[in-house]
Amino acid sequence: MKPLIITAALTGAETTKAHNPALPITPKEIAEEAYKCYKAGASIIHLHVRDEQGKPTQSVETFKKTIDLIKEKCDVIIQISTGGAVGAPIEERMAPLALKPEMATLTAGTVNFGNDVFFNSPQYIKAFAEKMQEYEVKPEIEVFESGMIDNAVRLAKKGLIAEPMHFDFVLGVPGAMVGGIEELLYLSKRLPEGSTWSVAGIGRHELTLGTHAILMGGHVRVGFEDNIYFAKGELAQSNAQLVKRIADLAGILGREIADTSTARKILGLSN
C-alpha cells in the first residue's frame, strides 16, 4: 500500500468552543494547531476560518493571514474549504480560491445536513470545477452520497476535473449516507480506476472508519470539524491528539505515514 495521508480538519464551520474549549478559532490558534498536527503526522490541513466573533467566514483576507501563519511554521498541503457555512452564497464560498491553494474541496451534490440543506446545484458544481481549473487548484471531491461520485465522473468526462481524481467520503452526517463499513466498501469500489480516496467519519465513526481505511489502502481525515471526542464521553485535548492516534494505529498495522513530499506525489500535486 502507498503511505497513509492524514488530513487534519481543525475547525469546521459548525463546531464551537462550547462544544470543545480546545477548538482553534483565531488565525494564530489555527496555525499553531496546524503545526502540532503536522508534527503528529498530518500532511494536509483542511482549512476553515472564523471571523473576530468566532463565526465562519470565507474572507479572503482571513484565509490569507491564516495560510501565511501556517506556512511560516511548516510545509503542509493547504486544502481550503469551499463549503463555508451551510447557506453561504456561492460567490463567498468561491472567493478564497483566488489565493491559489494547492487543494480545495468540491462537494459534488446537494445533501441534507442535520436540520439544514447543503445546496450544490449542477450549476454550482460546474462553476467550482471551472474556477479550480482556472487557478490550477486540485479538487478534493467531497462525497456525502454515492451519486456524487457519478456527478464528478461526468465533469471529468467534460474535461472540467483532471484525472486521476481524489475523493473524500464524508460518512455519518445526519441526513446523509451512514458511517458503516459496508458503505465505505461500496463507495471505494465505485471510483474510477486510479483514483485516490480518504474517509471522514463523523462523530463516533471517525475511529472505526479510519481504521478500515488504513487497512484498505485509503487515507484518513480526522479533527474537530468531524469529531470532538477522543473516547466516549471524553473530549479530545486537541486535533493533534486525534492525528497522533491514527498515526500510531497505522504504525501498529504496518502502514507507513506519508510526509508532505510523499503526499504531493500520491496526489499528483506539482509543488
C-alpha atoms as a PDB file:
ATOM      1  CA  MET A   1       0.000   0.000   0.000  1.00  0.00           C
ATOM      2  CA  LYS A   2       1.051   3.581  -0.578  1.00  0.00           C
ATOM      3  CA  PRO A   3       1.871   5.601   2.542  1.00  0.00           C
ATOM      4  CA  LEU A   4      -1.075   6.948   4.505  1.00  0.00           C
ATOM      5  CA  ILE A   5      -2.078  10.580   4.013  1.00  0.00           C
ATOM      6  CA  ILE A   6      -3.602  12.083   7.150  1.00  0.00           C
ATOM      7  CA  THR A   7      -5.747  15.195   6.788  1.00  0.00           C
ATOM      8  CA  ALA A   8      -6.461  17.367   9.820  1.00  0.00           C
ATOM      9  CA  ALA A   9      -9.790  19.227   9.700  1.00  0.00           C
ATOM     10  CA  LEU A  10      -9.127  21.639  12.530  1.00  0.00           C
ATOM     11  CA  THR A  11     -12.128  23.900  12.935  1.00  0.00           C
ATOM     12  CA  GLY A  12     -15.006  23.425  10.500  1.00  0.00           C
ATOM     13  CA  ALA A  13     -17.977  25.769  10.367  1.00  0.00           C
ATOM     14  CA  GLU A  14     -20.335  24.227  12.906  1.00  0.00           C
ATOM     15  CA  THR A  15     -18.176  23.336  15.928  1.00  0.00           C
ATOM     16  CA  THR A  16     -17.856  25.941  18.692  1.00  0.00           C
ATOM     17  CA  LYS A  17     -15.774  26.367  21.830  1.00  0.00           C
ATOM     18  CA  ALA A  18     -18.920  25.476  23.749  1.00  0.00           C
ATOM     19  CA  HIS A  19     -18.650  22.019  22.163  1.00  0.00           C
ATOM     20  CA  ASN A  20     -14.923  21.755  22.895  1.00  0.00           C
ATOM     21  CA  PRO A  21     -12.931  24.605  24.543  1.00  0.00           C
ATOM     22  CA  ALA A  22      -9.780  23.464  22.697  1.00  0.00           C
ATOM     23  CA  LEU A  23     -11.238  24.428  19.296  1.00  0.00           C
ATOM     24  CA  PRO A  24      -8.827  26.747  17.434  1.00  0.00           C
ATOM     25  CA  ILE A  25     -10.578  29.914  16.259  1.00  0.00           C
ATOM     26  CA  THR A  26      -8.121  32.725  15.502  1.00  0.00           C
ATOM     27  CA  PRO A  27      -5.560  32.570  12.668  1.00  0.00           C
ATOM     28  CA  LYS A  28      -2.800  32.234  15.270  1.00  0.00           C
ATOM     29  CA  GLU A  29      -4.586  29.403  17.090  1.00  0.00           C
ATOM     30  CA  ILE A  30      -5.296  27.593  13.826  1.00  0.00           C
ATOM     31  CA  ALA A  31      -1.674  27.950  12.675  1.00  0.00           C
ATOM     32  CA  GLU A  32      -0.350  26.631  15.982  1.00  0.00           C
ATOM     33  CA  GLU A  33      -2.740  23.682  15.845  1.00  0.00           C
ATOM     34  CA  ALA A  34      -1.806  23.003  12.212  1.00  0.00           C
ATOM     35  CA  TYR A  35       1.853  22.815  13.200  1.00  0.00           C
ATOM     36  CA  LYS A  36       1.099  20.389  16.047  1.00  0.00           C
ATOM     37  CA  CYS A  37      -0.904  18.209  13.645  1.00  0.00           C
ATOM     38  CA  TYR A  38       1.945  18.320  11.126  1.00  0.00           C
ATOM     39  CA  LYS A  39       4.362  17.173  13.821  1.00  0.00           C
ATOM     40  CA  ALA A  40       1.918  14.375  14.739  1.00  0.00           C
ATOM     41  CA  GLY A  41       1.763  13.066  11.157  1.00  0.00           C
ATOM     42  CA  ALA A  42      -0.706  15.166   9.135  1.00  0.00           C
ATOM     43  CA  SER A  43       0.343  16.243   5.660  1.00  0.00           C
ATOM     44  CA  ILE A  44      -2.887  18.078   4.691  1.00  0.00           C
ATOM     45  CA  ILE A  45      -4.640  20.828   6.618  1.00  0.00           C
ATOM     46  CA  HIS A  46      -8.307  21.122   5.678  1.00  0.00           C
ATOM     47  CA  LEU A  47      -8.935  24.787   6.352  1.00  0.00           C
ATOM     48  CA  HIS A  48     -11.962  26.729   7.534  1.00  0.00           C
ATOM     49  CA  VAL A  49     -11.546  30.145   9.154  1.00  0.00           C
ATOM     50  CA  ARG A  50     -13.572  32.270  11.571  1.00  0.00           C
ATOM     51  CA  ASP A  51     -14.173  35.991  11.980  1.00  0.00           C
ATOM     52  CA  GLU A  52     -13.406  38.030  15.111  1.00  0.00           C
ATOM     53  CA  GLN A  53     -16.686  36.861  16.663  1.00  0.00           C
ATOM     54  CA  GLY A  54     -15.788  33.236  16.042  1.00  0.00           C
ATOM     55  CA  LYS A  55     -18.330  32.812  13.261  1.00  0.00           C
ATOM     56  CA  PRO A  56     -17.487  31.003   9.997  1.00  0.00           C
ATOM     57  CA  THR A  57     -16.295  33.271   7.214  1.00  0.00           C
ATOM     58  CA  GLN A  58     -14.975  32.956   3.667  1.00  0.00           C
ATOM     59  CA  SER A  59     -12.973  36.182   3.983  1.00  0.00           C
ATOM     60  CA  VAL A  60     -10.039  36.051   1.583  1.00  0.00           C
ATOM     61  CA  GLU A  61      -8.038  38.260   3.944  1.00  0.00           C
ATOM     62  CA  THR A  62      -8.582  35.908   6.888  1.00  0.00           C
ATOM     63  CA  PHE A  63      -7.738  32.853   4.797  1.00  0.00           C
ATOM     64  CA  LYS A  64      -4.550  34.521   3.565  1.00  0.00           C
ATOM     65  CA  LYS A  65      -3.462  35.559   7.058  1.00  0.00           C
ATOM     66  CA  THR A  66      -4.066  32.050   8.375  1.00  0.00           C
ATOM     67  CA  ILE A  67      -2.321  30.343   5.465  1.00  0.00           C
ATOM     68  CA  ASP A  68       0.696  32.639   5.787  1.00  0.00           C
ATOM     69  CA  LEU A  69       0.986  31.847   9.502  1.00  0.00           C
ATOM     70  CA  ILE A  70       0.753  28.110   8.820  1.00  0.00           C
ATOM     71  CA  LYS A  71       3.362  28.277   6.070  1.00  0.00           C
ATOM     72  CA  GLU A  72       5.741  30.112   8.402  1.00  0.00           C
ATOM     73  CA  LYS A  73       5.647  27.057  10.650  1.00  0.00           C
ATOM     74  CA  CYS A  74       5.525  24.075   8.276  1.00  0.00           C
ATOM     75  CA  ASP A  75       5.240  22.975   4.669  1.00  0.00           C
ATOM     76  CA  VAL A  76       1.854  21.279   4.803  1.00  0.00           C
ATOM     77  CA  ILE A  77      -0.604  20.990   1.933  1.00  0.00           C
ATOM     78  CA  ILE A  78      -3.316  23.599   2.424  1.00  0.00           C
ATOM     79  CA  GLN A  79      -6.760  22.451   1.373  1.00  0.00           C
ATOM     80  CA  ILE A  80      -9.292  25.256   1.743  1.00  0.00           C
ATOM     81  CA  SER A  81     -12.983  24.577   2.195  1.00  0.00           C
ATOM     82  CA  THR A  82     -15.348  25.991  -0.400  1.00  0.00           C
ATOM     83  CA  GLY A  83     -18.281  24.715   1.645  1.00  0.00           C
ATOM     84  CA  GLY A  84     -18.174  27.558   4.118  1.00  0.00           C
ATOM     85  CA  ALA A  85     -21.183  27.548   6.423  1.00  0.00           C
ATOM     86  CA  VAL A  86     -24.449  25.997   5.260  1.00  0.00           C
ATOM     87  CA  GLY A  87     -26.346  28.646   3.299  1.00  0.00           C
ATOM     88  CA  ALA A  88     -23.337  30.765   2.322  1.00  0.00           C
ATOM     89  CA  PRO A  89     -23.663  32.312  -1.197  1.00  0.00           C
ATOM     90  CA  ILE A  90     -21.583  30.695  -3.927  1.00  0.00           C
ATOM     91  CA  GLU A  91     -19.637  33.921  -4.541  1.00  0.00           C
ATOM     92  CA  GLU A  92     -18.432  33.924  -0.933  1.00  0.00           C
ATOM     93  CA  ARG A  93     -17.664  30.203  -0.972  1.00  0.00           C
ATOM     94  CA  MET A  94     -15.601  30.554  -4.143  1.00  0.00           C
ATOM     95  CA  ALA A  95     -13.694  33.728  -3.221  1.00  0.00           C
ATOM     96  CA  PRO A  96     -10.707  32.137  -1.372  1.00  0.00           C
ATOM     97  CA  LEU A  97      -9.804  30.131  -4.483  1.00  0.00           C
ATOM     98  CA  ALA A  98      -8.144  33.329  -5.713  1.00  0.00           C
ATOM     99  CA  LEU A  99      -5.341  32.551  -3.228  1.00  0.00           C
ATOM    100  CA  LYS A 100      -4.476  29.536  -5.408  1.00  0.00           C
ATOM    101  CA  PRO A 101      -4.041  26.922  -2.660  1.00  0.00           C
ATOM    102  CA  GLU A 102      -2.755  23.506  -3.662  1.00  0.00           C
ATOM    103  CA  MET A 103      -6.150  21.916  -2.958  1.00  0.00           C
ATOM    104  CA  ALA A 104      -9.767  22.837  -2.250  1.00  0.00           C
ATOM    105  CA  THR A 105     -12.933  20.903  -1.577  1.00  0.00           C
ATOM    106  CA  LEU A 106     -15.589  20.439  -4.240  1.00  0.00           C
ATOM    107  CA  THR A 107     -18.835  18.982  -2.908  1.00  0.00           C
ATOM    108  CA  ALA A 108     -20.420  17.098  -5.792  1.00  0.00           C
ATOM    109  CA  GLY A 109     -24.095  17.403  -4.917  1.00  0.00           C
ATOM    110  CA  THR A 110     -26.817  18.663  -2.604  1.00  0.00           C
ATOM    111  CA  VAL A 111     -27.375  16.853   0.681  1.00  0.00           C
ATOM    112  CA  ASN A 112     -29.483  17.084   3.813  1.00  0.00           C
ATOM    113  CA  PHE A 113     -27.183  18.258   6.600  1.00  0.00           C
ATOM    114  CA  GLY A 114     -28.741  17.826  10.024  1.00  0.00           C
ATOM    115  CA  ASN A 115     -31.678  20.219  10.063  1.00  0.00           C
ATOM    116  CA  ASP A 116     -30.295  22.153   7.084  1.00  0.00           C
ATOM    117  CA  VAL A 117     -29.663  21.569   3.389  1.00  0.00           C
ATOM    118  CA  PHE A 118     -26.157  21.889   1.946  1.00  0.00           C
ATOM    119  CA  PHE A 119     -27.054  23.135  -1.518  1.00  0.00           C
ATOM    120  CA  ASN A 120     -24.838  22.345  -4.510  1.00  0.00           C
ATOM    121  CA  SER A 121     -26.726  22.502  -7.794  1.00  0.00           C
ATOM    122  CA  PRO A 122     -25.214  21.152 -11.028  1.00  0.00           C
ATOM    123  CA  GLN A 123     -24.514  24.767 -11.986  1.00  0.00           C
ATOM    124  CA  TYR A 124     -22.677  25.372  -8.698  1.00  0.00           C
ATOM    125  CA  ILE A 125     -20.601  22.221  -9.041  1.00  0.00           C
ATOM    126  CA  LYS A 126     -19.603  23.140 -12.591  1.00  0.00           C
ATOM    127  CA  ALA A 127     -18.706  26.692 -11.524  1.00  0.00           C
ATOM    128  CA  PHE A 128     -16.483  25.421  -8.706  1.00  0.00           C
ATOM    129  CA  ALA A 129     -14.759  22.962 -11.045  1.00  0.00           C
ATOM    130  CA  GLU A 130     -14.132  25.661 -13.649  1.00  0.00           C
ATOM    131  CA  LYS A 131     -12.734  28.088 -11.082  1.00  0.00           C
ATOM    132  CA  MET A 132     -10.426  25.439  -9.614  1.00  0.00           C
ATOM    133  CA  GLN A 133      -9.243  24.593 -13.100  1.00  0.00           C
ATOM    134  CA  GLU A 134      -8.591  28.286 -13.792  1.00  0.00           C
ATOM    135  CA  TYR A 135      -6.484  28.644 -10.630  1.00  0.00           C
ATOM    136  CA  GLU A 136      -4.807  25.230 -11.003  1.00  0.00           C
ATOM    137  CA  VAL A 137      -6.206  24.001  -7.692  1.00  0.00           C
ATOM    138  CA  LYS A 138      -6.651  20.250  -7.263  1.00  0.00           C
ATOM    139  CA  PRO A 139     -10.176  19.465  -6.095  1.00  0.00           C
ATOM    140  CA  GLU A 140     -10.927  17.003  -3.358  1.00  0.00           C
ATOM    141  CA  ILE A 141     -14.331  15.635  -4.331  1.00  0.00           C
ATOM    142  CA  GLU A 142     -16.489  15.585  -1.196  1.00  0.00           C
ATOM    143  CA  VAL A 143     -18.925  12.662  -1.311  1.00  0.00           C
ATOM    144  CA  PHE A 144     -21.867  12.528   1.103  1.00  0.00           C
ATOM    145  CA  GLU A 145     -23.968  10.217  -1.106  1.00  0.00           C
ATOM    146  CA  SER A 146     -22.954   7.696  -3.777  1.00  0.00           C
ATOM    147  CA  GLY A 147     -24.480   9.683  -6.651  1.00  0.00           C
ATOM    148  CA  MET A 148     -21.905  12.401  -6.055  1.00  0.00           C
ATOM    149  CA  ILE A 149     -19.249  10.093  -7.500  1.00  0.00           C
ATOM    150  CA  ASP A 150     -21.220   9.969 -10.750  1.00  0.00           C
ATOM    151  CA  ASN A 151     -21.543  13.758 -10.780  1.00  0.00           C
ATOM    152  CA  ALA A 152     -17.766  14.091 -10.519  1.00  0.00           C
ATOM    153  CA  VAL A 153     -17.172  11.497 -13.230  1.00  0.00           C
ATOM    154  CA  ARG A 154     -19.434  13.440 -15.607  1.00  0.00           C
ATOM    155  CA  LEU A 155     -17.421  16.584 -15.006  1.00  0.00           C
ATOM    156  CA  ALA A 156     -14.187  14.674 -15.603  1.00  0.00           C
ATOM    157  CA  LYS A 157     -15.525  13.387 -18.931  1.00  0.00           C
ATOM    158  CA  LYS A 158     -16.188  17.003 -19.909  1.00  0.00           C
ATOM    159  CA  GLY A 159     -12.603  17.907 -19.056  1.00  0.00           C
ATOM    160  CA  LEU A 160     -13.533  20.035 -16.042  1.00  0.00           C
ATOM    161  CA  ILE A 161     -11.769  17.847 -13.469  1.00  0.00           C
ATOM    162  CA  ALA A 162      -8.397  16.282 -14.200  1.00  0.00           C
ATOM    163  CA  GLU A 163      -7.903  12.589 -13.591  1.00  0.00           C
ATOM    164  CA  PRO A 164      -6.909  10.762 -11.508  1.00  0.00           C
ATOM    165  CA  MET A 165      -9.333  12.325  -9.042  1.00  0.00           C
ATOM    166  CA  HIS A 166      -9.133  12.410  -5.273  1.00  0.00           C
ATOM    167  CA  PHE A 167     -12.292  11.763  -3.244  1.00  0.00           C
ATOM    168  CA  ASP A 168     -13.214  12.219   0.399  1.00  0.00           C
ATOM    169  CA  PHE A 169     -16.115  10.142   1.736  1.00  0.00           C
ATOM    170  CA  VAL A 170     -17.889  12.114   4.464  1.00  0.00           C
ATOM    171  CA  LEU A 171     -19.918   9.456   6.265  1.00  0.00           C
ATOM    172  CA  GLY A 172     -22.232   9.674   9.232  1.00  0.00           C
ATOM    173  CA  VAL A 173     -23.684  13.155   8.722  1.00  0.00           C
ATOM    174  CA  PRO A 174     -27.329  13.106   9.941  1.00  0.00           C
ATOM    175  CA  GLY A 175     -29.435  13.132   6.778  1.00  0.00           C
ATOM    176  CA  ALA A 176     -26.730  11.695   4.510  1.00  0.00           C
ATOM    177  CA  MET A 177     -25.051   8.322   3.993  1.00  0.00           C
ATOM    178  CA  VAL A 178     -24.459   6.433   7.231  1.00  0.00           C
ATOM    179  CA  GLY A 179     -20.991   5.697   8.593  1.00  0.00           C
ATOM    180  CA  GLY A 180     -20.765   1.941   8.134  1.00  0.00           C
ATOM    181  CA  ILE A 181     -18.060  -0.317   6.738  1.00  0.00           C
ATOM    182  CA  GLU A 182     -20.489  -1.584   4.064  1.00  0.00           C
ATOM    183  CA  GLU A 183     -20.958   1.964   2.805  1.00  0.00           C
ATOM    184  CA  LEU A 184     -17.207   2.594   2.778  1.00  0.00           C
ATOM    185  CA  LEU A 185     -16.550  -0.597   0.816  1.00  0.00           C
ATOM    186  CA  TYR A 186     -19.313   0.239  -1.646  1.00  0.00           C
ATOM    187  CA  LEU A 187     -18.075   3.767  -2.301  1.00  0.00           C
ATOM    188  CA  SER A 188     -14.425   2.757  -2.640  1.00  0.00           C
ATOM    189  CA  LYS A 189     -15.319   0.139  -5.260  1.00  0.00           C
ATOM    190  CA  ARG A 190     -17.300   2.645  -7.361  1.00  0.00           C
ATOM    191  CA  LEU A 191     -14.405   5.019  -8.018  1.00  0.00           C
ATOM    192  CA  PRO A 192     -12.778   5.417 -11.434  1.00  0.00           C
ATOM    193  CA  GLU A 193      -9.571   3.442 -11.828  1.00  0.00           C
ATOM    194  CA  GLY A 194      -6.532   5.245 -10.485  1.00  0.00           C
ATOM    195  CA  SER A 195      -8.490   7.462  -8.080  1.00  0.00           C
ATOM    196  CA  THR A 196      -7.334   8.067  -4.535  1.00  0.00           C
ATOM    197  CA  TRP A 197      -9.664   8.447  -1.579  1.00  0.00           C
ATOM    198  CA  SER A 198      -9.902   9.323   2.083  1.00  0.00           C
ATOM    199  CA  VAL A 199     -12.666   8.982   4.645  1.00  0.00           C
ATOM    200  CA  ALA A 200     -14.002  11.456   7.190  1.00  0.00           C
ATOM    201  CA  GLY A 201     -16.089   9.583   9.731  1.00  0.00           C
ATOM    202  CA  ILE A 202     -18.388  11.882  11.651  1.00  0.00           C
ATOM    203  CA  GLY A 203     -18.508  11.594  15.439  1.00  0.00           C
ATOM    204  CA  ARG A 204     -18.169   8.036  16.711  1.00  0.00           C
ATOM    205  CA  HIS A 205     -17.492   6.812  13.163  1.00  0.00           C
ATOM    206  CA  GLU A 206     -14.155   8.635  12.914  1.00  0.00           C
ATOM    207  CA  LEU A 207     -12.003   5.957  14.516  1.00  0.00           C
ATOM    208  CA  THR A 208     -13.729   2.873  13.091  1.00  0.00           C
ATOM    209  CA  LEU A 209     -13.806   4.147   9.515  1.00  0.00           C
ATOM    210  CA  GLY A 210     -10.278   5.491   9.824  1.00  0.00           C
ATOM    211  CA  THR A 211      -9.086   2.061  10.902  1.00  0.00           C
ATOM    212  CA  HIS A 212     -10.771   0.407   7.931  1.00  0.00           C
ATOM    213  CA  ALA A 213      -9.287   2.993   5.558  1.00  0.00           C
ATOM    214  CA  ILE A 214      -5.786   2.251   6.838  1.00  0.00           C
ATOM    215  CA  LEU A 215      -6.300  -1.441   6.089  1.00  0.00           C
ATOM    216  CA  MET A 216      -7.995  -0.831   2.725  1.00  0.00           C
ATOM    217  CA  GLY A 217      -5.305   1.416   1.277  1.00  0.00           C
ATOM    218  CA  GLY A 218      -7.304   4.614   1.602  1.00  0.00           C
ATOM    219  CA  HIS A 219      -6.439   7.746   3.534  1.00  0.00           C
ATOM    220  CA  VAL A 220      -7.904   9.337   6.659  1.00  0.00           C
ATOM    221  CA  ARG A 221      -9.296  12.697   7.774  1.00  0.00           C
ATOM    222  CA  VAL A 222      -9.680  13.487  11.466  1.00  0.00           C
ATOM    223  CA  GLY A 223     -10.232  16.616  13.503  1.00  0.00           C
ATOM    224  CA  PHE A 224     -12.661  18.772  15.442  1.00  0.00           C
ATOM    225  CA  GLU A 225     -14.679  19.585  12.322  1.00  0.00           C
ATOM    226  CA  ASP A 226     -15.827  15.964  12.313  1.00  0.00           C
ATOM    227  CA  ASN A 227     -15.428  14.774  15.900  1.00  0.00           C
ATOM    228  CA  ILE A 228     -14.644  16.476  19.215  1.00  0.00           C
ATOM    229  CA  TYR A 229     -14.218  13.315  21.313  1.00  0.00           C
ATOM    230  CA  PHE A 230     -11.231  11.058  21.947  1.00  0.00           C
ATOM    231  CA  ALA A 231     -13.370   8.388  23.581  1.00  0.00           C
ATOM    232  CA  LYS A 232     -16.997   8.105  24.612  1.00  0.00           C
ATOM    233  CA  GLY A 233     -17.691  10.980  26.977  1.00  0.00           C
ATOM    234  CA  GLU A 234     -14.063  12.177  26.844  1.00  0.00           C
ATOM    235  CA  LEU A 235     -13.359  15.372  24.897  1.00  0.00           C
ATOM    236  CA  ALA A 236     -10.235  15.329  22.765  1.00  0.00           C
ATOM    237  CA  GLN A 237      -7.479  17.581  24.074  1.00  0.00           C
ATOM    238  CA  SER A 238      -6.509  18.769  20.599  1.00  0.00           C
ATOM    239  CA  ASN A 239      -6.726  17.983  16.900  1.00  0.00           C
ATOM    240  CA  ALA A 240      -3.154  16.739  17.151  1.00  0.00           C
ATOM    241  CA  GLN A 241      -4.239  14.090  19.652  1.00  0.00           C
ATOM    242  CA  LEU A 242      -6.645  12.696  17.051  1.00  0.00           C
ATOM    243  CA  VAL A 243      -3.959  12.814  14.342  1.00  0.00           C
ATOM    244  CA  LYS A 244      -1.444  11.033  16.567  1.00  0.00           C
ATOM    245  CA  ARG A 245      -3.907   8.244  17.333  1.00  0.00           C
ATOM    246  CA  ILE A 246      -4.356   7.489  13.619  1.00  0.00           C
ATOM    247  CA  ALA A 247      -0.608   7.715  13.012  1.00  0.00           C
ATOM    248  CA  ASP A 248       0.084   5.363  15.927  1.00  0.00           C
ATOM    249  CA  LEU A 249      -2.585   2.948  14.728  1.00  0.00           C
ATOM    250  CA  ALA A 250      -1.129   2.960  11.216  1.00  0.00           C
ATOM    251  CA  GLY A 251       2.246   2.088  12.707  1.00  0.00           C
ATOM    252  CA  ILE A 252       0.751  -0.830  14.613  1.00  0.00           C
ATOM    253  CA  LEU A 253      -0.944  -2.050  11.441  1.00  0.00           C
ATOM    254  CA  GLY A 254       2.226  -1.677   9.360  1.00  0.00           C
ATOM    255  CA  ARG A 255       1.214   1.292   7.206  1.00  0.00           C
ATOM    256  CA  GLU A 256       3.808   3.998   6.609  1.00  0.00           C
ATOM    257  CA  ILE A 257       2.783   7.652   7.123  1.00  0.00           C
ATOM    258  CA  ALA A 258       3.160   9.981   4.149  1.00  0.00           C
ATOM    259  CA  ASP A 259       5.171  13.132   4.697  1.00  0.00           C
ATOM    260  CA  THR A 260       4.155  16.187   2.683  1.00  0.00           C
ATOM    261  CA  SER A 261       6.528  15.415  -0.183  1.00  0.00           C
ATOM    262  CA  THR A 262       5.177  11.881  -0.499  1.00  0.00           C
ATOM    263  CA  ALA A 263       1.582  13.092  -0.186  1.00  0.00           C
ATOM    264  CA  ARG A 264       2.131  15.512  -3.053  1.00  0.00           C
ATOM    265  CA  LYS A 265       3.438  12.698  -5.225  1.00  0.00           C
ATOM    266  CA  ILE A 266       0.496  10.435  -4.375  1.00  0.00           C
ATOM    267  CA  LEU A 267      -1.998  13.205  -5.161  1.00  0.00           C
ATOM    268  CA  GLY A 268      -0.209  14.419  -8.290  1.00  0.00           C
ATOM    269  CA  LEU A 269       0.452  17.917  -6.946  1.00  0.00           C
ATOM    270  CA  SER A 270       3.124  19.874  -8.762  1.00  0.00           C
ATOM    271  CA  ASN A 271       4.697  21.618  -5.750  1.00  0.00           C
END
